[in-house]
Amino acid sequence: MNNKNITSDGLEILYQRYYANNIERQLELEKARLDDQVARKIAELKQTYHISNKALAELINLDESMLVYYLNFFLK
């Protein structure tokens, strides 16, 4: 008899196949999650306080074009 757990959860299947035994992939996934979390928090703060990209870039000492690139890249 096979002792493996069987699942029909697509995300679980993909995780087991591509991430479960691959530390490097797990770290890449965690980095992507953190990048997403930061980008969403920035967008939320911009909306809450009605801050323009230029004003926010000045507050965090970042070039406006880099901020726009970051937001566009991670919030698509």
N, C-alpha and C. Protein backbone atom coordinates (compact mmCIF):
# COMPACT_ATOMS: atom_id res chain seq x y z
N MET A 1 0.84 -1.19 0.00
CA MET A 1 0.00 0.00 0.00
C MET A 1 0.88 1.25 0.00
N ASN A 2 0.45 2.26 -0.71
CA ASN A 2 1.21 3.50 -0.83
C ASN A 2 0.85 4.43 0.34
N ASN A 3 1.88 4.89 1.08
CA ASN A 3 1.65 5.75 2.24
C ASN A 3 1.65 7.24 1.91
N LYS A 4 1.86 7.60 0.65
CA LYS A 4 1.88 9.01 0.28
C LYS A 4 0.48 9.61 0.38
N ASN A 5 0.43 10.85 0.86
CA ASN A 5 -0.85 11.56 0.89
C ASN A 5 -1.18 12.02 -0.52
N ILE A 6 -2.40 11.84 -0.92
CA ILE A 6 -2.85 12.25 -2.24
C ILE A 6 -3.69 13.51 -2.08
N THR A 7 -3.42 14.49 -2.94
CA THR A 7 -4.15 15.74 -2.88
C THR A 7 -4.59 16.16 -4.28
N SER A 8 -5.65 16.91 -4.35
CA SER A 8 -6.09 17.47 -5.62
C SER A 8 -5.89 18.99 -5.63
N ASP A 9 -5.26 19.51 -4.57
CA ASP A 9 -4.98 20.94 -4.46
C ASP A 9 -3.82 21.30 -5.39
N GLY A 10 -4.15 22.05 -6.43
CA GLY A 10 -3.15 22.40 -7.44
C GLY A 10 -1.94 23.10 -6.88
N LEU A 11 -2.14 24.06 -5.96
CA LEU A 11 -1.01 24.77 -5.38
C LEU A 11 -0.12 23.84 -4.57
N GLU A 12 -0.71 22.93 -3.84
CA GLU A 12 0.06 21.97 -3.06
C GLU A 12 0.87 21.05 -3.98
N ILE A 13 0.26 20.62 -5.06
CA ILE A 13 0.96 19.76 -6.02
C ILE A 13 2.16 20.50 -6.60
N LEU A 14 1.96 21.75 -7.04
CA LEU A 14 3.07 22.54 -7.59
C LEU A 14 4.16 22.76 -6.56
N TYR A 15 3.77 23.06 -5.32
CA TYR A 15 4.77 23.27 -4.27
C TYR A 15 5.60 22.00 -4.07
N GLN A 16 4.94 20.87 -3.96
CA GLN A 16 5.64 19.61 -3.74
C GLN A 16 6.56 19.28 -4.92
N ARG A 17 6.11 19.56 -6.12
CA ARG A 17 6.89 19.22 -7.30
C ARG A 17 8.10 20.13 -7.49
N TYR A 18 7.93 21.44 -7.26
CA TYR A 18 8.98 22.39 -7.62
C TYR A 18 9.70 23.06 -6.46
N TYR A 19 9.13 23.02 -5.26
CA TYR A 19 9.72 23.79 -4.17
C TYR A 19 10.09 22.96 -2.94
N ALA A 20 9.41 21.91 -2.65
CA ALA A 20 9.55 21.20 -1.38
C ALA A 20 10.98 20.78 -1.08
N ASN A 21 11.70 20.32 -2.05
CA ASN A 21 13.06 19.83 -1.81
C ASN A 21 14.12 20.72 -2.45
N ASN A 22 13.79 21.97 -2.67
CA ASN A 22 14.71 22.87 -3.34
C ASN A 22 14.81 24.18 -2.54
N ILE A 23 15.82 24.26 -1.69
CA ILE A 23 16.01 25.42 -0.81
C ILE A 23 16.15 26.72 -1.61
N GLU A 24 16.88 26.67 -2.71
CA GLU A 24 17.08 27.88 -3.52
C GLU A 24 15.74 28.41 -4.04
N ARG A 25 14.90 27.53 -4.52
CA ARG A 25 13.57 27.95 -5.00
C ARG A 25 12.71 28.48 -3.86
N GLN A 26 12.82 27.87 -2.69
CA GLN A 26 12.05 28.34 -1.53
C GLN A 26 12.47 29.76 -1.16
N LEU A 27 13.77 30.04 -1.23
CA LEU A 27 14.26 31.38 -0.92
C LEU A 27 13.80 32.39 -1.97
N GLU A 28 13.79 31.99 -3.25
CA GLU A 28 13.29 32.86 -4.30
C GLU A 28 11.82 33.17 -4.09
N LEU A 29 11.05 32.17 -3.70
CA LEU A 29 9.63 32.36 -3.44
C LEU A 29 9.42 33.32 -2.27
N GLU A 30 10.20 33.16 -1.22
CA GLU A 30 10.08 34.05 -0.05
C GLU A 30 10.45 35.48 -0.42
N LYS A 31 11.50 35.65 -1.24
CA LYS A 31 11.89 36.99 -1.68
C LYS A 31 10.77 37.62 -2.50
N ALA A 32 10.16 36.86 -3.39
CA ALA A 32 9.05 37.38 -4.20
C ALA A 32 7.88 37.79 -3.31
N ARG A 33 7.59 37.01 -2.29
CA ARG A 33 6.51 37.35 -1.35
C ARG A 33 6.82 38.64 -0.61
N LEU A 34 8.06 38.81 -0.17
CA LEU A 34 8.45 40.03 0.55
C LEU A 34 8.41 41.24 -0.37
N ASP A 35 8.91 41.10 -1.60
CA ASP A 35 8.86 42.20 -2.57
C ASP A 35 7.41 42.63 -2.81
N ASP A 36 6.54 41.66 -2.96
CA ASP A 36 5.12 41.94 -3.18
C ASP A 36 4.52 42.68 -1.98
N GLN A 37 4.86 42.22 -0.79
CA GLN A 37 4.35 42.84 0.44
C GLN A 37 4.79 44.30 0.55
N VAL A 38 6.05 44.57 0.24
CA VAL A 38 6.58 45.94 0.31
C VAL A 38 5.90 46.82 -0.73
N ALA A 39 5.77 46.33 -1.95
CA ALA A 39 5.14 47.12 -3.02
C ALA A 39 3.69 47.44 -2.68
N ARG A 40 2.96 46.47 -2.12
CA ARG A 40 1.57 46.71 -1.75
C ARG A 40 1.47 47.72 -0.61
N LYS A 41 2.39 47.67 0.34
CA LYS A 41 2.38 48.62 1.45
C LYS A 41 2.67 50.04 0.94
N ILE A 42 3.62 50.15 0.02
CA ILE A 42 3.92 51.46 -0.57
C ILE A 42 2.70 52.01 -1.29
N ALA A 43 2.04 51.18 -2.08
CA ALA A 43 0.84 51.62 -2.81
C ALA A 43 -0.26 52.03 -1.83
N GLU A 44 -0.41 51.28 -0.75
CA GLU A 44 -1.43 51.61 0.26
C GLU A 44 -1.12 52.95 0.92
N LEU A 45 0.13 53.19 1.28
CA LEU A 45 0.51 54.46 1.90
C LEU A 45 0.30 55.63 0.94
N LYS A 46 0.66 55.43 -0.33
CA LYS A 46 0.45 56.48 -1.32
C LYS A 46 -1.02 56.85 -1.41
N GLN A 47 -1.87 55.84 -1.43
CA GLN A 47 -3.31 56.10 -1.55
C GLN A 47 -3.87 56.72 -0.27
N THR A 48 -3.47 56.22 0.88
CA THR A 48 -4.00 56.71 2.16
C THR A 48 -3.63 58.17 2.39
N TYR A 49 -2.38 58.52 2.10
CA TYR A 49 -1.90 59.88 2.39
C TYR A 49 -1.85 60.77 1.16
N HIS A 50 -2.35 60.27 0.03
CA HIS A 50 -2.40 61.05 -1.22
C HIS A 50 -1.03 61.64 -1.56
N ILE A 51 -0.04 60.75 -1.58
CA ILE A 51 1.34 61.15 -1.86
C ILE A 51 1.66 60.82 -3.32
N SER A 52 2.26 61.76 -4.01
CA SER A 52 2.67 61.51 -5.39
C SER A 52 3.94 60.65 -5.40
N ASN A 53 4.22 60.08 -6.55
CA ASN A 53 5.46 59.29 -6.68
C ASN A 53 6.68 60.16 -6.39
N LYS A 54 6.64 61.39 -6.88
CA LYS A 54 7.78 62.29 -6.67
C LYS A 54 7.98 62.58 -5.18
N ALA A 55 6.90 62.90 -4.48
CA ALA A 55 7.01 63.21 -3.04
C ALA A 55 7.48 61.99 -2.25
N LEU A 56 6.95 60.82 -2.59
CA LEU A 56 7.37 59.61 -1.88
C LEU A 56 8.83 59.29 -2.15
N ALA A 57 9.25 59.43 -3.40
CA ALA A 57 10.65 59.18 -3.75
C ALA A 57 11.58 60.10 -2.97
N GLU A 58 11.18 61.35 -2.81
CA GLU A 58 12.00 62.29 -2.03
C GLU A 58 12.06 61.89 -0.57
N LEU A 59 10.91 61.43 -0.02
CA LEU A 59 10.87 61.01 1.39
C LEU A 59 11.79 59.84 1.68
N ILE A 60 11.89 58.92 0.74
CA ILE A 60 12.71 57.73 0.98
C ILE A 60 14.06 57.81 0.27
N ASN A 61 14.39 58.99 -0.24
CA ASN A 61 15.69 59.25 -0.86
C ASN A 61 15.96 58.27 -2.01
N LEU A 62 15.01 58.22 -2.93
CA LEU A 62 15.10 57.31 -4.07
C LEU A 62 14.73 58.08 -5.32
N ASP A 63 15.36 57.76 -6.41
CA ASP A 63 15.02 58.38 -7.68
C ASP A 63 13.59 58.00 -8.05
N GLU A 64 12.82 58.98 -8.52
CA GLU A 64 11.41 58.72 -8.84
C GLU A 64 11.25 57.62 -9.87
N SER A 65 12.12 57.58 -10.86
CA SER A 65 12.01 56.56 -11.90
C SER A 65 12.20 55.15 -11.33
N MET A 66 13.07 55.01 -10.33
CA MET A 66 13.27 53.71 -9.68
C MET A 66 12.04 53.30 -8.90
N LEU A 67 11.42 54.25 -8.22
CA LEU A 67 10.21 53.97 -7.47
C LEU A 67 9.09 53.51 -8.42
N VAL A 68 8.91 54.22 -9.51
CA VAL A 68 7.88 53.87 -10.48
C VAL A 68 8.16 52.48 -11.07
N TYR A 69 9.41 52.21 -11.40
CA TYR A 69 9.77 50.89 -11.92
C TYR A 69 9.43 49.80 -10.91
N TYR A 70 9.80 50.01 -9.65
CA TYR A 70 9.54 49.03 -8.60
C TYR A 70 8.05 48.78 -8.45
N LEU A 71 7.27 49.82 -8.36
CA LEU A 71 5.82 49.67 -8.21
C LEU A 71 5.19 48.98 -9.43
N ASN A 72 5.61 49.38 -10.63
CA ASN A 72 5.06 48.76 -11.83
C ASN A 72 5.45 47.29 -11.94
N PHE A 73 6.67 46.99 -11.58
CA PHE A 73 7.16 45.62 -11.69
C PHE A 73 6.45 44.68 -10.73
N PHE A 74 6.30 45.11 -9.48
CA PHE A 74 5.75 44.22 -8.47
C PHE A 74 4.25 44.28 -8.31
N LEU A 75 3.60 45.26 -8.89
CA LEU A 75 2.15 45.37 -8.74
C LEU A 75 1.40 45.10 -10.04
N LYS A 76 2.04 44.44 -10.97
CA LYS A 76 1.34 44.16 -12.23
C LYS A 76 0.40 43.01 -12.10
